[in-house]
Amino acid sequence: MRLRRAVAGRANVAFQCRDITDLSHLADASVDAVISCMSLHHLPTWDHLKRTLDEVARVVKAEGGIYIADFGRLRSQRSMRRFAFDHVDRQHPRFTEDYMNSLRAAFTREDFARACEQLGSRAILHATGCVPFMLALKTPPRHDLPTDLASRFRRSAGDLDAAQHSDLQAIIRAFRAGGLKTAAFR
C-alpha cells in the first residue's frame, strides 16, 4: 500500500505501510532519511532489530539522515516503575501500563550497538546520561542543513504546554549528560 500526501508544502513525501524488517521494495541508497520514534521496542527479538537496522543501512543514501529514538532497557523493575509512574497523576492508567510494558520490551544499549555495527560512522548511538532509559541513533552533525533549523525547533518547543515543555527539557538534559550535543539542544 502506498499513500502520497503533501506535508508542510512538500509533495515529495510518501507514506508506506510495510514490514520494517524487509524494505526490499526500496532500492539500495534510495532514501533521504529514516526517522523512527519509539517504535523499535515493539520488535519481538534482537534478530528483528538487526534486520531492521541492516535495511536502514542498505536503503539510506550515503549523505542521508538517520534519526532513531527509542527506549533503552533498564536493569531493574524498580527503575522501570519509577519512569512509568512518574506522572501517574496526569496520565491515563492505560498509558502508564503501556509505558511500563514498553520499558520491559526495550532493547539494551548493547543490543542496539551490536545491531547497528554495519552503519559504521554513518550513525552514532547515544544514550541518556546516568540511566540509559532512552537511546538515539543519529547521523553525525551536518553542516549542510538549513541554518535556521535550531531556531525552528526552539519555536516549536515554545508551543508545548508547561508539562510537555518540562518533559522536553528533562530529555534534553538527560541526553546532554550522555554526551549528545546538537544545535537544537544548546
C-alpha atoms as a PDB file:
ATOM      1  CA  MET A   1       0.000   0.000   0.000  1.00  0.00           C
ATOM      2  CA  ARG A   2       1.395   3.385  -0.946  1.00  0.00           C
ATOM      3  CA  LEU A   3      -0.054   6.698   0.183  1.00  0.00           C
ATOM      4  CA  ARG A   4       1.048  10.097  -1.079  1.00  0.00           C
ATOM      5  CA  ARG A   5       0.469  13.259   0.886  1.00  0.00           C
ATOM      6  CA  ALA A   6       1.677  16.821   0.786  1.00  0.00           C
ATOM      7  CA  VAL A   7       3.377  17.515   4.101  1.00  0.00           C
ATOM      8  CA  ALA A   8       4.290  21.064   5.097  1.00  0.00           C
ATOM      9  CA  GLY A   9       4.139  22.107   1.454  1.00  0.00           C
ATOM     10  CA  ARG A  10       6.198  19.099   0.280  1.00  0.00           C
ATOM     11  CA  ALA A  11       4.690  16.894  -2.391  1.00  0.00           C
ATOM     12  CA  ASN A  12       7.690  14.526  -2.370  1.00  0.00           C
ATOM     13  CA  VAL A  13       6.786  12.739   0.860  1.00  0.00           C
ATOM     14  CA  ALA A  14       5.444   9.200   0.630  1.00  0.00           C
ATOM     15  CA  PHE A  15       3.943   7.156   3.464  1.00  0.00           C
ATOM     16  CA  GLN A  16       4.041   3.387   3.216  1.00  0.00           C
ATOM     17  CA  CYS A  17       2.662   0.674   5.449  1.00  0.00           C
ATOM     18  CA  ARG A  18       5.266  -2.107   5.347  1.00  0.00           C
ATOM     19  CA  ASP A  19       7.302  -4.526   7.449  1.00  0.00           C
ATOM     20  CA  ILE A  20      10.318  -2.566   8.715  1.00  0.00           C
ATOM     21  CA  THR A  21      12.455  -5.701   8.754  1.00  0.00           C
ATOM     22  CA  ASP A  22      12.038  -6.102   4.981  1.00  0.00           C
ATOM     23  CA  LEU A  23      12.389  -2.997   2.834  1.00  0.00           C
ATOM     24  CA  SER A  24      13.121  -4.969  -0.347  1.00  0.00           C
ATOM     25  CA  HIS A  25      10.635  -2.777  -2.217  1.00  0.00           C
ATOM     26  CA  LEU A  26      13.160   0.079  -1.835  1.00  0.00           C
ATOM     27  CA  ALA A  27      16.332   0.252  -3.900  1.00  0.00           C
ATOM     28  CA  ASP A  28      19.761   0.456  -2.305  1.00  0.00           C
ATOM     29  CA  ALA A  29      20.738   4.018  -1.314  1.00  0.00           C
ATOM     30  CA  SER A  30      17.352   5.411  -2.386  1.00  0.00           C
ATOM     31  CA  VAL A  31      16.064   7.051   0.810  1.00  0.00           C
ATOM     32  CA  ASP A  32      16.949  10.553   2.003  1.00  0.00           C
ATOM     33  CA  ALA A  33      16.239   9.903   5.675  1.00  0.00           C
ATOM     34  CA  VAL A  34      14.920   7.320   8.107  1.00  0.00           C
ATOM     35  CA  ILE A  35      13.068   8.601  11.151  1.00  0.00           C
ATOM     36  CA  SER A  36      11.689   6.327  13.846  1.00  0.00           C
ATOM     37  CA  CYS A  37      10.459   7.424  17.239  1.00  0.00           C
ATOM     38  CA  MET A  38       9.629   4.927  19.967  1.00  0.00           C
ATOM     39  CA  SER A  39       8.781   2.052  17.604  1.00  0.00           C
ATOM     40  CA  LEU A  40      11.623  -0.451  17.696  1.00  0.00           C
ATOM     41  CA  HIS A  41      10.875  -1.800  21.172  1.00  0.00           C
ATOM     42  CA  HIS A  42       7.773  -3.354  19.577  1.00  0.00           C
ATOM     43  CA  LEU A  43      10.006  -5.707  17.575  1.00  0.00           C
ATOM     44  CA  PRO A  44       9.825  -9.195  19.107  1.00  0.00           C
ATOM     45  CA  THR A  45      13.517 -10.202  19.011  1.00  0.00           C
ATOM     46  CA  TRP A  46      17.039  -8.896  18.578  1.00  0.00           C
ATOM     47  CA  ASP A  47      17.137 -10.570  15.137  1.00  0.00           C
ATOM     48  CA  HIS A  48      14.228  -8.355  14.067  1.00  0.00           C
ATOM     49  CA  LEU A  49      16.098  -5.295  15.345  1.00  0.00           C
ATOM     50  CA  LYS A  50      19.230  -6.372  13.455  1.00  0.00           C
ATOM     51  CA  ARG A  51      17.316  -6.956  10.212  1.00  0.00           C
ATOM     52  CA  THR A  52      15.628  -3.561  10.562  1.00  0.00           C
ATOM     53  CA  LEU A  53      18.916  -1.709  11.049  1.00  0.00           C
ATOM     54  CA  ASP A  54      20.523  -3.711   8.212  1.00  0.00           C
ATOM     55  CA  GLU A  55      17.705  -2.488   5.965  1.00  0.00           C
ATOM     56  CA  VAL A  56      18.206   1.097   7.162  1.00  0.00           C
ATOM     57  CA  ALA A  57      21.903   0.837   6.297  1.00  0.00           C
ATOM     58  CA  ARG A  58      21.050  -0.513   2.847  1.00  0.00           C
ATOM     59  CA  VAL A  59      18.343   1.971   1.799  1.00  0.00           C
ATOM     60  CA  VAL A  60      19.659   5.286   3.177  1.00  0.00           C
ATOM     61  CA  LYS A  61      21.732   7.362   0.786  1.00  0.00           C
ATOM     62  CA  ALA A  62      25.370   7.891   1.777  1.00  0.00           C
ATOM     63  CA  GLU A  63      24.604  11.513   2.652  1.00  0.00           C
ATOM     64  CA  GLY A  64      21.183  10.636   4.101  1.00  0.00           C
ATOM     65  CA  GLY A  65      19.984  11.117   7.638  1.00  0.00           C
ATOM     66  CA  ILE A  66      19.265   8.529  10.299  1.00  0.00           C
ATOM     67  CA  TYR A  67      17.262   9.651  13.322  1.00  0.00           C
ATOM     68  CA  ILE A  68      16.021   6.829  15.531  1.00  0.00           C
ATOM     69  CA  ALA A  69      14.935   7.214  19.156  1.00  0.00           C
ATOM     70  CA  ASP A  70      13.639   4.508  21.429  1.00  0.00           C
ATOM     71  CA  PHE A  71      13.556   3.289  24.981  1.00  0.00           C
ATOM     72  CA  GLY A  72      16.626   1.658  26.451  1.00  0.00           C
ATOM     73  CA  ARG A  73      16.098  -1.327  28.722  1.00  0.00           C
ATOM     74  CA  LEU A  74      16.640  -0.527  32.351  1.00  0.00           C
ATOM     75  CA  ARG A  75      18.209  -3.129  34.614  1.00  0.00           C
ATOM     76  CA  SER A  76      15.727  -3.091  37.461  1.00  0.00           C
ATOM     77  CA  GLN A  77      11.964  -3.282  37.720  1.00  0.00           C
ATOM     78  CA  ARG A  78      12.184  -0.537  40.326  1.00  0.00           C
ATOM     79  CA  SER A  79      13.766   1.855  37.790  1.00  0.00           C
ATOM     80  CA  MET A  80      11.152   0.943  35.196  1.00  0.00           C
ATOM     81  CA  ARG A  81       8.378   1.659  37.696  1.00  0.00           C
ATOM     82  CA  ARG A  82       9.987   4.993  38.576  1.00  0.00           C
ATOM     83  CA  PHE A  83       9.825   6.145  34.942  1.00  0.00           C
ATOM     84  CA  ALA A  84       6.435   4.602  34.092  1.00  0.00           C
ATOM     85  CA  PHE A  85       4.707   6.002  37.178  1.00  0.00           C
ATOM     86  CA  ASP A  86       6.491   9.387  37.265  1.00  0.00           C
ATOM     87  CA  HIS A  87       3.429  11.291  36.009  1.00  0.00           C
ATOM     88  CA  VAL A  88       0.731   8.860  37.113  1.00  0.00           C
ATOM     89  CA  ASP A  89      -1.275  11.792  38.478  1.00  0.00           C
ATOM     90  CA  ARG A  90      -1.693  13.319  34.997  1.00  0.00           C
ATOM     91  CA  GLN A  91      -1.820  10.324  32.672  1.00  0.00           C
ATOM     92  CA  HIS A  92      -4.420   7.669  31.937  1.00  0.00           C
ATOM     93  CA  PRO A  93      -3.825   4.316  33.693  1.00  0.00           C
ATOM     94  CA  ARG A  94      -3.582   2.565  30.308  1.00  0.00           C
ATOM     95  CA  PHE A  95      -0.784   4.943  29.320  1.00  0.00           C
ATOM     96  CA  THR A  96       1.102   4.036  32.493  1.00  0.00           C
ATOM     97  CA  GLU A  97       0.593   0.333  31.828  1.00  0.00           C
ATOM     98  CA  ASP A  98       1.702   0.697  28.198  1.00  0.00           C
ATOM     99  CA  TYR A  99       4.757   2.727  29.241  1.00  0.00           C
ATOM    100  CA  MET A 100       5.749   0.024  31.742  1.00  0.00           C
ATOM    101  CA  ASN A 101       5.312  -2.704  29.116  1.00  0.00           C
ATOM    102  CA  SER A 102       7.359  -0.672  26.620  1.00  0.00           C
ATOM    103  CA  LEU A 103      10.204  -0.306  29.111  1.00  0.00           C
ATOM    104  CA  ARG A 104      10.118  -4.068  29.737  1.00  0.00           C
ATOM    105  CA  ALA A 105      10.225  -4.756  25.977  1.00  0.00           C
ATOM    106  CA  ALA A 106      13.068  -2.324  25.223  1.00  0.00           C
ATOM    107  CA  PHE A 107      16.413  -3.456  23.884  1.00  0.00           C
ATOM    108  CA  THR A 108      19.615  -2.757  25.791  1.00  0.00           C
ATOM    109  CA  ARG A 109      22.206  -0.267  24.640  1.00  0.00           C
ATOM    110  CA  GLU A 110      24.451  -3.230  23.875  1.00  0.00           C
ATOM    111  CA  ASP A 111      21.703  -4.811  21.722  1.00  0.00           C
ATOM    112  CA  PHE A 112      21.452  -1.598  19.698  1.00  0.00           C
ATOM    113  CA  ALA A 113      25.222  -1.257  19.410  1.00  0.00           C
ATOM    114  CA  ARG A 114      25.593  -4.803  18.036  1.00  0.00           C
ATOM    115  CA  ALA A 115      22.594  -4.412  15.710  1.00  0.00           C
ATOM    116  CA  CYS A 116      23.840  -1.164  14.159  1.00  0.00           C
ATOM    117  CA  GLU A 117      27.505  -2.099  13.607  1.00  0.00           C
ATOM    118  CA  GLN A 118      27.054  -2.154   9.815  1.00  0.00           C
ATOM    119  CA  LEU A 119      26.190   1.567   9.913  1.00  0.00           C
ATOM    120  CA  GLY A 120      29.757   2.338  10.974  1.00  0.00           C
ATOM    121  CA  SER A 121      30.250   6.085  11.314  1.00  0.00           C
ATOM    122  CA  ARG A 122      27.039   6.877   9.397  1.00  0.00           C
ATOM    123  CA  ALA A 123      25.109   6.970  12.689  1.00  0.00           C
ATOM    124  CA  ILE A 124      26.217   7.312  16.289  1.00  0.00           C
ATOM    125  CA  LEU A 125      24.429   5.631  19.191  1.00  0.00           C
ATOM    126  CA  HIS A 126      23.733   7.932  22.130  1.00  0.00           C
ATOM    127  CA  ALA A 127      22.127   7.185  25.470  1.00  0.00           C
ATOM    128  CA  THR A 128      20.749   9.397  28.165  1.00  0.00           C
ATOM    129  CA  GLY A 129      23.327  10.005  30.888  1.00  0.00           C
ATOM    130  CA  CYS A 130      23.390   8.158  34.204  1.00  0.00           C
ATOM    131  CA  VAL A 131      20.360   5.984  33.395  1.00  0.00           C
ATOM    132  CA  PRO A 132      20.068   4.843  29.745  1.00  0.00           C
ATOM    133  CA  PHE A 133      16.261   4.954  29.604  1.00  0.00           C
ATOM    134  CA  MET A 134      16.368   6.423  26.090  1.00  0.00           C
ATOM    135  CA  LEU A 135      18.615   5.710  23.125  1.00  0.00           C
ATOM    136  CA  ALA A 136      19.157   7.774  19.991  1.00  0.00           C
ATOM    137  CA  LEU A 137      20.819   6.531  16.822  1.00  0.00           C
ATOM    138  CA  LYS A 138      21.683   9.663  14.915  1.00  0.00           C
ATOM    139  CA  THR A 139      23.620  10.830  11.895  1.00  0.00           C
ATOM    140  CA  PRO A 140      26.660  12.899  12.929  1.00  0.00           C
ATOM    141  CA  PRO A 141      26.136  16.677  12.875  1.00  0.00           C
ATOM    142  CA  ARG A 142      25.754  18.003   9.348  1.00  0.00           C
ATOM    143  CA  HIS A 143      26.814  21.400   8.134  1.00  0.00           C
ATOM    144  CA  ASP A 144      24.606  21.484   5.036  1.00  0.00           C
ATOM    145  CA  LEU A 145      21.315  21.747   6.917  1.00  0.00           C
ATOM    146  CA  PRO A 146      19.322  24.987   6.978  1.00  0.00           C
ATOM    147  CA  THR A 147      20.891  27.452   9.386  1.00  0.00           C
ATOM    148  CA  ASP A 148      17.534  28.245  10.970  1.00  0.00           C
ATOM    149  CA  LEU A 149      16.742  24.633  11.860  1.00  0.00           C
ATOM    150  CA  ALA A 150      17.671  25.060  15.539  1.00  0.00           C
ATOM    151  CA  SER A 151      15.611  28.230  15.864  1.00  0.00           C
ATOM    152  CA  ARG A 152      12.630  26.498  14.233  1.00  0.00           C
ATOM    153  CA  PHE A 153      12.999  23.660  16.745  1.00  0.00           C
ATOM    154  CA  ARG A 154      13.074  26.120  19.643  1.00  0.00           C
ATOM    155  CA  ARG A 155       9.978  27.927  18.288  1.00  0.00           C
ATOM    156  CA  SER A 156       8.134  24.596  18.029  1.00  0.00           C
ATOM    157  CA  ALA A 157       9.180  23.733  21.570  1.00  0.00           C
ATOM    158  CA  GLY A 158       7.683  27.042  22.659  1.00  0.00           C
ATOM    159  CA  ASP A 159       4.269  25.805  21.511  1.00  0.00           C
ATOM    160  CA  LEU A 160       4.261  22.964  24.068  1.00  0.00           C
ATOM    161  CA  ASP A 161       2.217  23.220  27.228  1.00  0.00           C
ATOM    162  CA  ALA A 162       4.125  23.625  30.502  1.00  0.00           C
ATOM    163  CA  ALA A 163       4.221  19.906  31.363  1.00  0.00           C
ATOM    164  CA  GLN A 164       5.350  18.913  27.846  1.00  0.00           C
ATOM    165  CA  HIS A 165       7.992  21.642  27.841  1.00  0.00           C
ATOM    166  CA  SER A 166       9.280  20.447  31.212  1.00  0.00           C
ATOM    167  CA  ASP A 167       9.492  16.854  29.920  1.00  0.00           C
ATOM    168  CA  LEU A 168      11.330  18.016  26.776  1.00  0.00           C
ATOM    169  CA  GLN A 169      13.851  19.957  28.846  1.00  0.00           C
ATOM    170  CA  ALA A 170      14.410  16.893  31.056  1.00  0.00           C
ATOM    171  CA  ILE A 171      15.057  14.705  27.988  1.00  0.00           C
ATOM    172  CA  ILE A 172      17.433  17.305  26.541  1.00  0.00           C
ATOM    173  CA  ARG A 173      19.354  17.455  29.839  1.00  0.00           C
ATOM    174  CA  ALA A 174      19.462  13.645  30.052  1.00  0.00           C
ATOM    175  CA  PHE A 175      20.848  13.271  26.509  1.00  0.00           C
ATOM    176  CA  ARG A 176      23.285  16.145  27.092  1.00  0.00           C
ATOM    177  CA  ALA A 177      24.534  14.321  30.202  1.00  0.00           C
ATOM    178  CA  GLY A 178      25.115  11.312  27.930  1.00  0.00           C
ATOM    179  CA  GLY A 179      27.200  13.416  25.530  1.00  0.00           C
ATOM    180  CA  LEU A 180      24.693  14.266  22.775  1.00  0.00           C
ATOM    181  CA  LYS A 181      25.156  17.857  21.745  1.00  0.00           C
ATOM    182  CA  THR A 182      23.370  19.410  18.789  1.00  0.00           C
ATOM    183  CA  ALA A 183      22.477  22.935  17.799  1.00  0.00           C
ATOM    184  CA  ALA A 184      18.862  22.291  18.719  1.00  0.00           C
ATOM    185  CA  PHE A 185      19.848  21.186  22.250  1.00  0.00           C
ATOM    186  CA  ARG A 186      22.058  24.137  23.159  1.00  0.00           C
END
